[in-house]
Amino acid sequence: MKVITFGEVMMRLSTPNFSRFSQATQFDINFGGGEANVASSLAIFGIPASHATRFPNNDLGQAATAVYKKYGVGTEAIAYGGDRLGIYFVEKGSAMRPSKVVYDRANSSFATLQPSDFNWEEILKGATWFHFTGISPAISEGAAQACLEAVQTASRLGIKVSADVGYRSNLWKWGKRPNEVMPQLIKYCDVIVCSKGDAADMFEIKPNDEKGSFKSVCKQIMERFPKVKKILTTKRGQISASHNTLSGRAWDGTQMIETEAIDIPDIVDRIGGGDAFMGGYIYGELTYQDTQKALEFAVAASALKHTVEGDFNLVSVQEVEAVMAGDVSGRLKR
């Protein structure tokens, strides 16, 4: 059940104790990246997972590699080269004050990669699943081409392909628009995470019924991309920066599968919640082979991620299944 993910990893510098950037005199260091967060979730859950990326061949690149090794993520597909590791800064919000993120990733090692840095036939050998996001092809032409070669190889080898198509308007700077690039990638996908907004931005697909429903968007996506068999999305209730609710939906071509909403008070860190959702869903599909249970596992995993500092979802399968079963008491375990 080996899973391969592909995407940029950055150093994360967070202000401690909810302080503002203007107050901070130090930062907490973590590493993270959307696809790598999925790989780490799966590795922690016991699913063999490796991440393909490109790091600078210096101490920071080695430090990032060591962190993923620590959590059991395979690092054999990491290429080394380029000048720098991308950075992002996080100011965590509280109550009515939202969190803020500032990126410093221009000309990173990943952004300057060449498609030839990755031998996908070798990397995907023995894999069951390949995952990427809409962030990777947005970063550079080289990254977009590498991503295309990866999904084409995975499809040819009979490997299931998934994508979180999330649109990031600030990243598409290298010359092509998302709707010129993403359709070439999504046509190889079996499972995607896609909101109504993402569908409009990436594929120029909008609701075509009176209700403006997500279901009508899903139907149009599947008509355009026949290989797609599942379309997932989450619904977040934003009570404050510190208090959300979360539920999930999945369209399987015939019915809309939904979960109950989970209440998430006193959020510790919501960054990486979407990646935890995807990692949970892949685990659920591989383990339960039941879309309803996979979706419930995904939402429970994402909810728990909101209680964990940093990008990594450091929770066990047993903890996720307890939340699935309705145990949200947070009662002391001893």
C-alpha atoms as a PDB file:
ATOM      1  CA  MET A   1       0.000   0.000   0.000  1.00  0.00           C
ATOM      2  CA  LYS A   2       2.875   2.370  -0.750  1.00  0.00           C
ATOM      3  CA  VAL A   3       1.954   6.025  -1.373  1.00  0.00           C
ATOM      4  CA  ILE A   4       4.156   8.591  -3.161  1.00  0.00           C
ATOM      5  CA  THR A   5       3.637  12.337  -2.808  1.00  0.00           C
ATOM      6  CA  PHE A   6       5.281  15.205  -4.716  1.00  0.00           C
ATOM      7  CA  GLY A   7       5.644  18.859  -3.779  1.00  0.00           C
ATOM      8  CA  GLU A   8       7.653  21.614  -2.152  1.00  0.00           C
ATOM      9  CA  VAL A   9       8.706  21.523   1.499  1.00  0.00           C
ATOM     10  CA  MET A  10       9.509  24.784   3.268  1.00  0.00           C
ATOM     11  CA  MET A  11      10.907  25.820   6.615  1.00  0.00           C
ATOM     12  CA  ARG A  12       8.114  27.192   8.786  1.00  0.00           C
ATOM     13  CA  LEU A  13       8.911  30.002  11.223  1.00  0.00           C
ATOM     14  CA  SER A  14       6.063  30.635  13.690  1.00  0.00           C
ATOM     15  CA  THR A  15       5.693  33.374  16.276  1.00  0.00           C
ATOM     16  CA  PRO A  16       5.436  31.777  19.742  1.00  0.00           C
ATOM     17  CA  ASN A  17       2.528  32.270  22.146  1.00  0.00           C
ATOM     18  CA  PHE A  18       0.224  33.878  19.576  1.00  0.00           C
ATOM     19  CA  SER A  19       2.480  36.959  19.364  1.00  0.00           C
ATOM     20  CA  ARG A  20       2.321  39.266  16.363  1.00  0.00           C
ATOM     21  CA  PHE A  21       5.131  39.618  13.827  1.00  0.00           C
ATOM     22  CA  SER A  22       5.852  43.082  15.197  1.00  0.00           C
ATOM     23  CA  GLN A  23       6.279  41.652  18.712  1.00  0.00           C
ATOM     24  CA  ALA A  24       8.285  38.545  17.917  1.00  0.00           C
ATOM     25  CA  THR A  25      11.906  38.300  19.017  1.00  0.00           C
ATOM     26  CA  GLN A  26      12.221  34.627  18.042  1.00  0.00           C
ATOM     27  CA  PHE A  27      10.495  32.001  15.906  1.00  0.00           C
ATOM     28  CA  ASP A  28       9.663  28.325  16.385  1.00  0.00           C
ATOM     29  CA  ILE A  29      11.073  26.188  13.553  1.00  0.00           C
ATOM     30  CA  ASN A  30       9.107  23.460  11.781  1.00  0.00           C
ATOM     31  CA  PHE A  31       9.063  22.091   8.252  1.00  0.00           C
ATOM     32  CA  GLY A  32       6.000  21.567   6.105  1.00  0.00           C
ATOM     33  CA  GLY A  33       4.473  21.292   2.676  1.00  0.00           C
ATOM     34  CA  GLY A  34       0.998  20.254   1.592  1.00  0.00           C
ATOM     35  CA  GLU A  35       1.887  16.966  -0.089  1.00  0.00           C
ATOM     36  CA  ALA A  36       4.628  16.096   2.401  1.00  0.00           C
ATOM     37  CA  ASN A  37       2.102  16.598   5.208  1.00  0.00           C
ATOM     38  CA  VAL A  38      -0.045  13.930   3.563  1.00  0.00           C
ATOM     39  CA  ALA A  39       2.937  11.568   3.407  1.00  0.00           C
ATOM     40  CA  SER A  40       3.778  12.148   7.074  1.00  0.00           C
ATOM     41  CA  SER A  41       0.170  11.466   8.124  1.00  0.00           C
ATOM     42  CA  LEU A  42       0.182   8.180   6.238  1.00  0.00           C
ATOM     43  CA  ALA A  43       3.577   7.126   7.605  1.00  0.00           C
ATOM     44  CA  ILE A  44       2.404   7.836  11.165  1.00  0.00           C
ATOM     45  CA  PHE A  45      -0.736   5.778  10.461  1.00  0.00           C
ATOM     46  CA  GLY A  46       1.457   2.878   9.347  1.00  0.00           C
ATOM     47  CA  ILE A  47       1.082   3.200   5.564  1.00  0.00           C
ATOM     48  CA  PRO A  48       4.441   3.159   3.704  1.00  0.00           C
ATOM     49  CA  ALA A  49       4.828   6.625   2.192  1.00  0.00           C
ATOM     50  CA  SER A  50       7.645   8.472   0.422  1.00  0.00           C
ATOM     51  CA  HIS A  51       7.914  12.084  -0.616  1.00  0.00           C
ATOM     52  CA  ALA A  52       9.551  13.396  -3.790  1.00  0.00           C
ATOM     53  CA  THR A  53      10.901  16.937  -3.662  1.00  0.00           C
ATOM     54  CA  ARG A  54      14.096  18.962  -4.167  1.00  0.00           C
ATOM     55  CA  PHE A  55      16.182  20.438  -1.349  1.00  0.00           C
ATOM     56  CA  PRO A  56      19.358  22.509  -1.396  1.00  0.00           C
ATOM     57  CA  ASN A  57      22.416  20.384  -0.677  1.00  0.00           C
ATOM     58  CA  ASN A  58      23.246  22.190   2.547  1.00  0.00           C
ATOM     59  CA  ASP A  59      22.571  21.888   6.265  1.00  0.00           C
ATOM     60  CA  LEU A  60      18.985  23.124   5.964  1.00  0.00           C
ATOM     61  CA  GLY A  61      18.202  20.597   3.248  1.00  0.00           C
ATOM     62  CA  GLN A  62      19.693  17.840   5.390  1.00  0.00           C
ATOM     63  CA  ALA A  63      17.755  19.063   8.446  1.00  0.00           C
ATOM     64  CA  ALA A  64      14.489  18.908   6.511  1.00  0.00           C
ATOM     65  CA  THR A  65      15.337  15.413   5.254  1.00  0.00           C
ATOM     66  CA  ALA A  66      16.057  14.271   8.804  1.00  0.00           C
ATOM     67  CA  VAL A  67      12.668  15.501  10.041  1.00  0.00           C
ATOM     68  CA  TYR A  68      10.812  13.392   7.483  1.00  0.00           C
ATOM     69  CA  LYS A  69      12.965  10.368   8.264  1.00  0.00           C
ATOM     70  CA  LYS A  70      12.085  10.860  11.936  1.00  0.00           C
ATOM     71  CA  TYR A  71       8.384  10.403  11.183  1.00  0.00           C
ATOM     72  CA  GLY A  72       8.925   7.429   8.891  1.00  0.00           C
ATOM     73  CA  VAL A  73       8.559   9.130   5.497  1.00  0.00           C
ATOM     74  CA  GLY A  74      10.741   7.631   2.772  1.00  0.00           C
ATOM     75  CA  THR A  75      13.335  10.116   1.482  1.00  0.00           C
ATOM     76  CA  GLU A  76      14.848   8.103  -1.362  1.00  0.00           C
ATOM     77  CA  ALA A  77      13.046  10.264  -3.982  1.00  0.00           C
ATOM     78  CA  ILE A  78      14.477  13.561  -2.719  1.00  0.00           C
ATOM     79  CA  ALA A  79      16.710  15.359  -5.228  1.00  0.00           C
ATOM     80  CA  TYR A  80      19.376  17.815  -4.059  1.00  0.00           C
ATOM     81  CA  GLY A  81      20.357  21.018  -5.810  1.00  0.00           C
ATOM     82  CA  GLY A  82      19.540  24.694  -6.124  1.00  0.00           C
ATOM     83  CA  ASP A  83      20.388  27.505  -3.758  1.00  0.00           C
ATOM     84  CA  ARG A  84      17.799  27.780  -1.017  1.00  0.00           C
ATOM     85  CA  LEU A  85      15.001  26.243   0.991  1.00  0.00           C
ATOM     86  CA  GLY A  86      11.739  28.159   0.783  1.00  0.00           C
ATOM     87  CA  ILE A  87      10.476  29.760   4.009  1.00  0.00           C
ATOM     88  CA  TYR A  88       7.084  30.744   5.298  1.00  0.00           C
ATOM     89  CA  PHE A  89       6.281  32.812   8.373  1.00  0.00           C
ATOM     90  CA  VAL A  90       3.189  32.193  10.504  1.00  0.00           C
ATOM     91  CA  GLU A  91       1.462  34.563  12.909  1.00  0.00           C
ATOM     92  CA  LYS A  92      -1.192  32.518  14.685  1.00  0.00           C
ATOM     93  CA  GLY A  93      -4.497  34.251  15.258  1.00  0.00           C
ATOM     94  CA  SER A  94      -6.847  34.022  18.209  1.00  0.00           C
ATOM     95  CA  ALA A  95     -10.551  34.760  18.732  1.00  0.00           C
ATOM     96  CA  MET A  96     -11.547  37.420  16.175  1.00  0.00           C
ATOM     97  CA  ARG A  97      -7.940  38.035  14.991  1.00  0.00           C
ATOM     98  CA  PRO A  98      -7.130  35.769  12.012  1.00  0.00           C
ATOM     99  CA  SER A  99      -3.849  33.986  11.424  1.00  0.00           C
ATOM    100  CA  LYS A 100      -1.444  35.388   8.839  1.00  0.00           C
ATOM    101  CA  VAL A 101       1.093  33.711   6.542  1.00  0.00           C
ATOM    102  CA  VAL A 102       3.960  35.418   4.689  1.00  0.00           C
ATOM    103  CA  TYR A 103       5.895  33.432   2.047  1.00  0.00           C
ATOM    104  CA  ASP A 104       9.556  33.758   1.087  1.00  0.00           C
ATOM    105  CA  ARG A 105       9.917  31.028  -1.520  1.00  0.00           C
ATOM    106  CA  ALA A 106      11.105  32.750  -4.737  1.00  0.00           C
ATOM    107  CA  ASN A 107      13.908  30.845  -6.544  1.00  0.00           C
ATOM    108  CA  SER A 108      13.783  27.973  -4.058  1.00  0.00           C
ATOM    109  CA  SER A 109      15.379  24.645  -4.898  1.00  0.00           C
ATOM    110  CA  PHE A 110      11.950  23.252  -5.756  1.00  0.00           C
ATOM    111  CA  ALA A 111      11.022  26.218  -7.952  1.00  0.00           C
ATOM    112  CA  THR A 112      14.205  25.787 -10.007  1.00  0.00           C
ATOM    113  CA  LEU A 113      13.993  21.998 -10.408  1.00  0.00           C
ATOM    114  CA  GLN A 114      14.322  20.286 -13.781  1.00  0.00           C
ATOM    115  CA  PRO A 115      11.917  17.459 -14.706  1.00  0.00           C
ATOM    116  CA  SER A 116      14.974  15.252 -15.291  1.00  0.00           C
ATOM    117  CA  ASP A 117      15.677  15.421 -11.527  1.00  0.00           C
ATOM    118  CA  PHE A 118      13.021  12.710 -11.058  1.00  0.00           C
ATOM    119  CA  ASN A 119      12.952   9.215 -12.556  1.00  0.00           C
ATOM    120  CA  TRP A 120       9.249   8.497 -12.099  1.00  0.00           C
ATOM    121  CA  GLU A 121       9.464   4.920 -13.363  1.00  0.00           C
ATOM    122  CA  GLU A 122      11.831   4.177 -10.494  1.00  0.00           C
ATOM    123  CA  ILE A 123      10.150   6.385  -7.876  1.00  0.00           C
ATOM    124  CA  LEU A 124       6.684   4.901  -8.514  1.00  0.00           C
ATOM    125  CA  LYS A 125       7.820   1.279  -8.659  1.00  0.00           C
ATOM    126  CA  GLY A 126       5.591  -0.764  -6.343  1.00  0.00           C
ATOM    127  CA  ALA A 127       3.381   2.200  -5.430  1.00  0.00           C
ATOM    128  CA  THR A 128      -0.383   2.008  -4.946  1.00  0.00           C
ATOM    129  CA  TRP A 129      -1.198   5.722  -4.867  1.00  0.00           C
ATOM    130  CA  PHE A 130       0.312   9.016  -6.075  1.00  0.00           C
ATOM    131  CA  HIS A 131      -0.749  12.398  -4.657  1.00  0.00           C
ATOM    132  CA  PHE A 132      -0.037  16.006  -5.621  1.00  0.00           C
ATOM    133  CA  THR A 133      -1.710  19.401  -5.196  1.00  0.00           C
ATOM    134  CA  GLY A 134      -2.427  22.432  -7.344  1.00  0.00           C
ATOM    135  CA  ILE A 135       0.408  24.230  -5.560  1.00  0.00           C
ATOM    136  CA  SER A 136       3.218  22.302  -7.260  1.00  0.00           C
ATOM    137  CA  PRO A 137       2.389  23.138 -10.900  1.00  0.00           C
ATOM    138  CA  ALA A 138       1.779  26.766  -9.859  1.00  0.00           C
ATOM    139  CA  ILE A 139       5.350  27.259  -8.637  1.00  0.00           C
ATOM    140  CA  SER A 140       7.263  26.978 -11.915  1.00  0.00           C
ATOM    141  CA  GLU A 141       7.173  25.571 -15.418  1.00  0.00           C
ATOM    142  CA  GLY A 142       9.696  22.905 -14.437  1.00  0.00           C
ATOM    143  CA  ALA A 143       7.598  21.794 -11.471  1.00  0.00           C
ATOM    144  CA  ALA A 144       4.471  21.684 -13.648  1.00  0.00           C
ATOM    145  CA  GLN A 145       6.239  19.519 -16.240  1.00  0.00           C
ATOM    146  CA  ALA A 146       7.597  17.183 -13.563  1.00  0.00           C
ATOM    147  CA  CYS A 147       4.100  16.857 -12.146  1.00  0.00           C
ATOM    148  CA  LEU A 148       2.688  16.020 -15.582  1.00  0.00           C
ATOM    149  CA  GLU A 149       5.323  13.352 -16.146  1.00  0.00           C
ATOM    150  CA  ALA A 150       4.535  11.892 -12.712  1.00  0.00           C
ATOM    151  CA  VAL A 151       0.779  11.563 -13.303  1.00  0.00           C
ATOM    152  CA  GLN A 152       1.284  10.196 -16.804  1.00  0.00           C
ATOM    153  CA  THR A 153       3.669   7.545 -15.463  1.00  0.00           C
ATOM    154  CA  ALA A 154       1.390   6.698 -12.549  1.00  0.00           C
ATOM    155  CA  SER A 155      -1.590   6.329 -14.856  1.00  0.00           C
ATOM    156  CA  ARG A 156       0.357   4.100 -17.227  1.00  0.00           C
ATOM    157  CA  LEU A 157       1.436   1.900 -14.307  1.00  0.00           C
ATOM    158  CA  GLY A 158      -2.133   1.572 -13.018  1.00  0.00           C
ATOM    159  CA  ILE A 159      -1.460   3.605  -9.857  1.00  0.00           C
ATOM    160  CA  LYS A 160      -4.348   5.569  -8.350  1.00  0.00           C
ATOM    161  CA  VAL A 161      -3.805   9.338  -8.607  1.00  0.00           C
ATOM    162  CA  SER A 162      -5.266  12.016  -6.343  1.00  0.00           C
ATOM    163  CA  ALA A 163      -4.986  15.795  -6.232  1.00  0.00           C
ATOM    164  CA  ASP A 164      -6.030  18.597  -3.948  1.00  0.00           C
ATOM    165  CA  VAL A 165      -6.564  21.192  -6.645  1.00  0.00           C
ATOM    166  CA  GLY A 166      -6.472  24.190  -4.249  1.00  0.00           C
ATOM    167  CA  TYR A 167      -6.057  27.491  -6.097  1.00  0.00           C
ATOM    168  CA  ARG A 168      -3.313  29.884  -4.932  1.00  0.00           C
ATOM    169  CA  SER A 169      -3.583  33.074  -6.965  1.00  0.00           C
ATOM    170  CA  ASN A 170      -0.256  34.484  -5.727  1.00  0.00           C
ATOM    171  CA  LEU A 171       1.747  31.534  -7.052  1.00  0.00           C
ATOM    172  CA  TRP A 172       0.789  31.429 -10.737  1.00  0.00           C
ATOM    173  CA  LYS A 173       3.504  33.801 -11.967  1.00  0.00           C
ATOM    174  CA  TRP A 174       5.501  31.790 -14.521  1.00  0.00           C
ATOM    175  CA  GLY A 175       3.458  32.554 -17.619  1.00  0.00           C
ATOM    176  CA  LYS A 176       0.467  30.231 -17.810  1.00  0.00           C
ATOM    177  CA  ARG A 177      -2.930  30.434 -16.145  1.00  0.00           C
ATOM    178  CA  PRO A 178      -4.271  27.554 -14.013  1.00  0.00           C
ATOM    179  CA  ASN A 179      -6.929  26.649 -16.585  1.00  0.00           C
ATOM    180  CA  GLU A 180      -4.148  26.123 -19.135  1.00  0.00           C
ATOM    181  CA  VAL A 181      -2.234  23.688 -16.910  1.00  0.00           C
ATOM    182  CA  MET A 182      -4.481  21.947 -14.388  1.00  0.00           C
ATOM    183  CA  PRO A 183      -6.867  20.207 -16.835  1.00  0.00           C
ATOM    184  CA  GLN A 184      -3.891  18.330 -18.333  1.00  0.00           C
ATOM    185  CA  LEU A 185      -3.116  16.986 -14.851  1.00  0.00           C
ATOM    186  CA  ILE A 186      -6.623  16.333 -13.547  1.00  0.00           C
ATOM    187  CA  LYS A 187      -7.508  14.120 -16.515  1.00  0.00           C
ATOM    188  CA  TYR A 188      -5.187  11.491 -15.000  1.00  0.00           C
ATOM    189  CA  CYS A 189      -6.766  11.683 -11.515  1.00  0.00           C
ATOM    190  CA  ASP A 190      -9.081   9.180  -9.833  1.00  0.00           C
ATOM    191  CA  VAL A 191      -9.799  11.286  -6.722  1.00  0.00           C
ATOM    192  CA  ILE A 192      -9.733  15.064  -6.286  1.00  0.00           C
ATOM    193  CA  VAL A 193     -10.390  17.555  -3.511  1.00  0.00           C
ATOM    194  CA  CYS A 194     -12.153  20.503  -5.121  1.00  0.00           C
ATOM    195  CA  SER A 195     -14.461  23.240  -3.831  1.00  0.00           C
ATOM    196  CA  LYS A 196     -16.884  25.267  -5.928  1.00  0.00           C
ATOM    197  CA  GLY A 197     -14.401  28.144  -5.893  1.00  0.00           C
ATOM    198  CA  ASP A 198     -11.521  25.912  -6.994  1.00  0.00           C
ATOM    199  CA  ALA A 199     -13.613  24.533  -9.864  1.00  0.00           C
ATOM    200  CA  ALA A 200     -14.338  28.053 -11.103  1.00  0.00           C
ATOM    201  CA  ASP A 201     -10.710  29.180 -10.820  1.00  0.00           C
ATOM    202  CA  MET A 202      -9.053  26.048 -12.197  1.00  0.00           C
ATOM    203  CA  PHE A 203     -11.560  24.743 -14.768  1.00  0.00           C
ATOM    204  CA  GLU A 204     -13.991  27.623 -15.311  1.00  0.00           C
ATOM    205  CA  ILE A 205     -16.771  25.321 -14.104  1.00  0.00           C
ATOM    206  CA  LYS A 206     -19.601  26.933 -12.152  1.00  0.00           C
ATOM    207  CA  PRO A 207     -22.916  25.626 -10.750  1.00  0.00           C
ATOM    208  CA  ASN A 208     -25.524  25.266 -13.491  1.00  0.00           C
ATOM    209  CA  ASP A 209     -28.632  24.587 -11.414  1.00  0.00           C
ATOM    210  CA  GLU A 210     -30.994  26.911  -9.553  1.00  0.00           C
ATOM    211  CA  LYS A 211     -29.530  26.049  -6.149  1.00  0.00           C
ATOM    212  CA  GLY A 212     -25.952  26.745  -7.220  1.00  0.00           C
ATOM    213  CA  SER A 213     -25.095  23.347  -5.781  1.00  0.00           C
ATOM    214  CA  PHE A 214     -21.771  21.595  -5.312  1.00  0.00           C
ATOM    215  CA  LYS A 215     -23.416  18.515  -6.832  1.00  0.00           C
ATOM    216  CA  SER A 216     -23.930  20.304 -10.165  1.00  0.00           C
ATOM    217  CA  VAL A 217     -20.233  21.273 -10.162  1.00  0.00           C
ATOM    218  CA  CYS A 218     -19.210  17.660  -9.463  1.00  0.00           C
ATOM    219  CA  LYS A 219     -21.313  16.370 -12.349  1.00  0.00           C
ATOM    220  CA  GLN A 220     -19.666  18.809 -14.759  1.00  0.00           C
ATOM    221  CA  ILE A 221     -16.195  17.885 -13.511  1.00  0.00           C
ATOM    222  CA  MET A 222     -16.852  14.182 -14.061  1.00  0.00           C
ATOM    223  CA  GLU A 223     -18.251  14.829 -17.530  1.00  0.00           C
ATOM    224  CA  ARG A 224     -15.088  16.717 -18.441  1.00  0.00           C
ATOM    225  CA  PHE A 225     -12.696  14.331 -16.666  1.00  0.00           C
ATOM    226  CA  PRO A 226     -14.133  10.789 -16.978  1.00  0.00           C
ATOM    227  CA  LYS A 227     -11.301   9.185 -14.986  1.00  0.00           C
ATOM    228  CA  VAL A 228     -12.321  11.088 -11.819  1.00  0.00           C
ATOM    229  CA  LYS A 229     -14.441   8.794  -9.652  1.00  0.00           C
ATOM    230  CA  LYS A 230     -14.550  10.714  -6.327  1.00  0.00           C
ATOM    231  CA  ILE A 231     -14.732  14.460  -5.645  1.00  0.00           C
ATOM    232  CA  LEU A 232     -14.166  15.504  -2.037  1.00  0.00           C
ATOM    233  CA  THR A 233     -14.550  18.756  -0.162  1.00  0.00           C
ATOM    234  CA  THR A 234     -14.766  19.999   3.402  1.00  0.00           C
ATOM    235  CA  LYS A 235     -17.173  22.491   4.920  1.00  0.00           C
ATOM    236  CA  ARG A 236     -15.733  24.725   7.623  1.00  0.00           C
ATOM    237  CA  GLY A 237     -17.836  26.711  10.038  1.00  0.00           C
ATOM    238  CA  GLN A 238     -15.799  29.759  11.079  1.00  0.00           C
ATOM    239  CA  ILE A 239     -17.032  30.838  14.500  1.00  0.00           C
ATOM    240  CA  SER A 240     -13.697  32.520  15.240  1.00  0.00           C
ATOM    241  CA  ALA A 241      -9.981  31.967  14.577  1.00  0.00           C
ATOM    242  CA  SER A 242     -10.014  29.756  17.687  1.00  0.00           C
ATOM    243  CA  HIS A 243     -13.291  27.905  17.135  1.00  0.00           C
ATOM    244  CA  ASN A 244     -14.390  26.089  13.958  1.00  0.00           C
ATOM    245  CA  THR A 245     -16.624  23.237  12.917  1.00  0.00           C
ATOM    246  CA  LEU A 246     -15.673  20.758  10.178  1.00  0.00           C
ATOM    247  CA  SER A 247     -17.559  18.267   8.018  1.00  0.00           C
ATOM    248  CA  GLY A 248     -16.868  16.458   4.754  1.00  0.00           C
ATOM    249  CA  ARG A 249     -18.659  15.629   1.520  1.00  0.00           C
ATOM    250  CA  ALA A 250     -17.860  13.221  -1.317  1.00  0.00           C
ATOM    251  CA  TRP A 251     -19.584  12.821  -4.677  1.00  0.00           C
ATOM    252  CA  ASP A 252     -19.079   9.336  -6.132  1.00  0.00           C
ATOM    253  CA  GLY A 253     -20.946   9.843  -9.393  1.00  0.00           C
ATOM    254  CA  THR A 254     -24.310   8.723  -8.071  1.00  0.00           C
ATOM    255  CA  GLN A 255     -24.735  10.096  -4.552  1.00  0.00           C
ATOM    256  CA  MET A 256     -23.436  12.771  -2.191  1.00  0.00           C
ATOM    257  CA  ILE A 257     -21.894  11.183   0.896  1.00  0.00           C
ATOM    258  CA  GLU A 258     -21.713  13.448   3.938  1.00  0.00           C
ATOM    259  CA  THR A 259     -20.408  13.374   7.494  1.00  0.00           C
ATOM    260  CA  GLU A 260     -21.609  14.963  10.695  1.00  0.00           C
ATOM    261  CA  ALA A 261     -19.848  18.184  11.667  1.00  0.00           C
ATOM    262  CA  ILE A 262     -17.181  18.003  14.379  1.00  0.00           C
ATOM    263  CA  ASP A 263     -16.908  20.950  16.755  1.00  0.00           C
ATOM    264  CA  ILE A 264     -13.317  22.195  17.196  1.00  0.00           C
ATOM    265  CA  PRO A 265     -13.054  24.693  20.058  1.00  0.00           C
ATOM    266  CA  ASP A 266      -9.751  26.157  21.275  1.00  0.00           C
ATOM    267  CA  ILE A 267      -7.790  25.575  18.051  1.00  0.00           C
ATOM    268  CA  VAL A 268      -4.051  25.152  18.554  1.00  0.00           C
ATOM    269  CA  ASP A 269      -2.970  25.245  14.872  1.00  0.00           C
ATOM    270  CA  ARG A 270      -5.209  24.891  11.819  1.00  0.00           C
ATOM    271  CA  ILE A 271      -2.399  24.960   9.217  1.00  0.00           C
ATOM    272  CA  GLY A 272      -2.147  21.511   7.656  1.00  0.00           C
ATOM    273  CA  GLY A 273      -5.777  20.650   8.398  1.00  0.00           C
ATOM    274  CA  GLY A 274      -6.595  20.103   4.735  1.00  0.00           C
ATOM    275  CA  ASP A 275      -3.540  17.895   4.306  1.00  0.00           C
ATOM    276  CA  ALA A 276      -4.570  15.886   7.365  1.00  0.00           C
ATOM    277  CA  PHE A 277      -7.984  15.454   5.731  1.00  0.00           C
ATOM    278  CA  MET A 278      -6.419  14.095   2.538  1.00  0.00           C
ATOM    279  CA  GLY A 279      -4.000  11.843   4.409  1.00  0.00           C
ATOM    280  CA  GLY A 280      -6.904  10.511   6.444  1.00  0.00           C
ATOM    281  CA  TYR A 281      -8.988   9.908   3.335  1.00  0.00           C
ATOM    282  CA  ILE A 282      -6.230   7.978   1.559  1.00  0.00           C
ATOM    283  CA  TYR A 283      -5.702   5.883   4.700  1.00  0.00           C
ATOM    284  CA  GLY A 284      -9.438   5.223   4.914  1.00  0.00           C
ATOM    285  CA  GLU A 285      -9.753   4.203   1.269  1.00  0.00           C
ATOM    286  CA  LEU A 286      -6.790   1.835   1.503  1.00  0.00           C
ATOM    287  CA  THR A 287      -7.870   0.383   4.852  1.00  0.00           C
ATOM    288  CA  TYR A 288     -11.683   0.351   4.952  1.00  0.00           C
ATOM    289  CA  GLN A 289     -12.421   0.362   1.201  1.00  0.00           C
ATOM    290  CA  ASP A 290     -15.623   2.185   2.126  1.00  0.00           C
ATOM    291  CA  THR A 291     -16.110   5.824   1.087  1.00  0.00           C
ATOM    292  CA  GLN A 292     -18.341   6.771   4.030  1.00  0.00           C
ATOM    293  CA  LYS A 293     -15.867   5.419   6.591  1.00  0.00           C
ATOM    294  CA  ALA A 294     -12.913   6.897   4.701  1.00  0.00           C
ATOM    295  CA  LEU A 295     -14.576  10.314   4.707  1.00  0.00           C
ATOM    296  CA  GLU A 296     -15.407  10.078   8.422  1.00  0.00           C
ATOM    297  CA  PHE A 297     -11.816   9.083   9.186  1.00  0.00           C
ATOM    298  CA  ALA A 298     -10.574  12.030   7.096  1.00  0.00           C
ATOM    299  CA  VAL A 299     -12.711  14.576   8.945  1.00  0.00           C
ATOM    300  CA  ALA A 300     -11.776  13.149  12.349  1.00  0.00           C
ATOM    301  CA  ALA A 301      -8.072  13.215  11.419  1.00  0.00           C
ATOM    302  CA  SER A 302      -8.352  16.817  10.257  1.00  0.00           C
ATOM    303  CA  ALA A 303     -10.202  17.840  13.414  1.00  0.00           C
ATOM    304  CA  LEU A 304      -7.456  16.344  15.556  1.00  0.00           C
ATOM    305  CA  LYS A 305      -4.788  18.149  13.523  1.00  0.00           C
ATOM    306  CA  HIS A 306      -6.274  21.428  14.775  1.00  0.00           C
ATOM    307  CA  THR A 307      -5.084  20.396  18.250  1.00  0.00           C
ATOM    308  CA  VAL A 308      -1.454  19.813  17.211  1.00  0.00           C
ATOM    309  CA  GLU A 309       1.254  22.456  16.815  1.00  0.00           C
ATOM    310  CA  GLY A 310       3.125  22.461  13.483  1.00  0.00           C
ATOM    311  CA  ASP A 311       2.351  20.988  10.063  1.00  0.00           C
ATOM    312  CA  PHE A 312       2.561  17.308  11.041  1.00  0.00           C
ATOM    313  CA  ASN A 313      -0.585  15.499  12.214  1.00  0.00           C
ATOM    314  CA  LEU A 314       0.973  13.661  15.156  1.00  0.00           C
ATOM    315  CA  VAL A 315      -1.999  11.462  16.033  1.00  0.00           C
ATOM    316  CA  SER A 316      -2.546   7.716  15.941  1.00  0.00           C
ATOM    317  CA  VAL A 317      -5.139   5.647  14.116  1.00  0.00           C
ATOM    318  CA  GLN A 318      -6.650   4.757  17.501  1.00  0.00           C
ATOM    319  CA  GLU A 319      -7.073   8.443  18.394  1.00  0.00           C
ATOM    320  CA  VAL A 320      -8.747   9.178  15.067  1.00  0.00           C
ATOM    321  CA  GLU A 321     -11.076   6.197  15.366  1.00  0.00           C
ATOM    322  CA  ALA A 322     -12.045   7.318  18.877  1.00  0.00           C
ATOM    323  CA  VAL A 323     -13.161  10.686  17.494  1.00  0.00           C
ATOM    324  CA  MET A 324     -14.988   8.852  14.672  1.00  0.00           C
ATOM    325  CA  ALA A 325     -16.861   6.937  17.354  1.00  0.00           C
ATOM    326  CA  GLY A 326     -17.923  10.182  19.014  1.00  0.00           C
ATOM    327  CA  ASP A 327     -15.375  10.471  21.823  1.00  0.00           C
ATOM    328  CA  VAL A 328     -14.507  14.170  21.790  1.00  0.00           C
ATOM    329  CA  SER A 329     -14.285  14.537  25.558  1.00  0.00           C
ATOM    330  CA  GLY A 330     -10.508  14.985  25.704  1.00  0.00           C
ATOM    331  CA  ARG A 331     -10.567  12.924  28.877  1.00  0.00           C
ATOM    332  CA  LEU A 332      -7.171  12.206  30.463  1.00  0.00           C
ATOM    333  CA  LYS A 333      -5.708   8.851  29.362  1.00  0.00           C
ATOM    334  CA  ARG A 334      -3.626   6.933  31.900  1.00  0.00           C
END
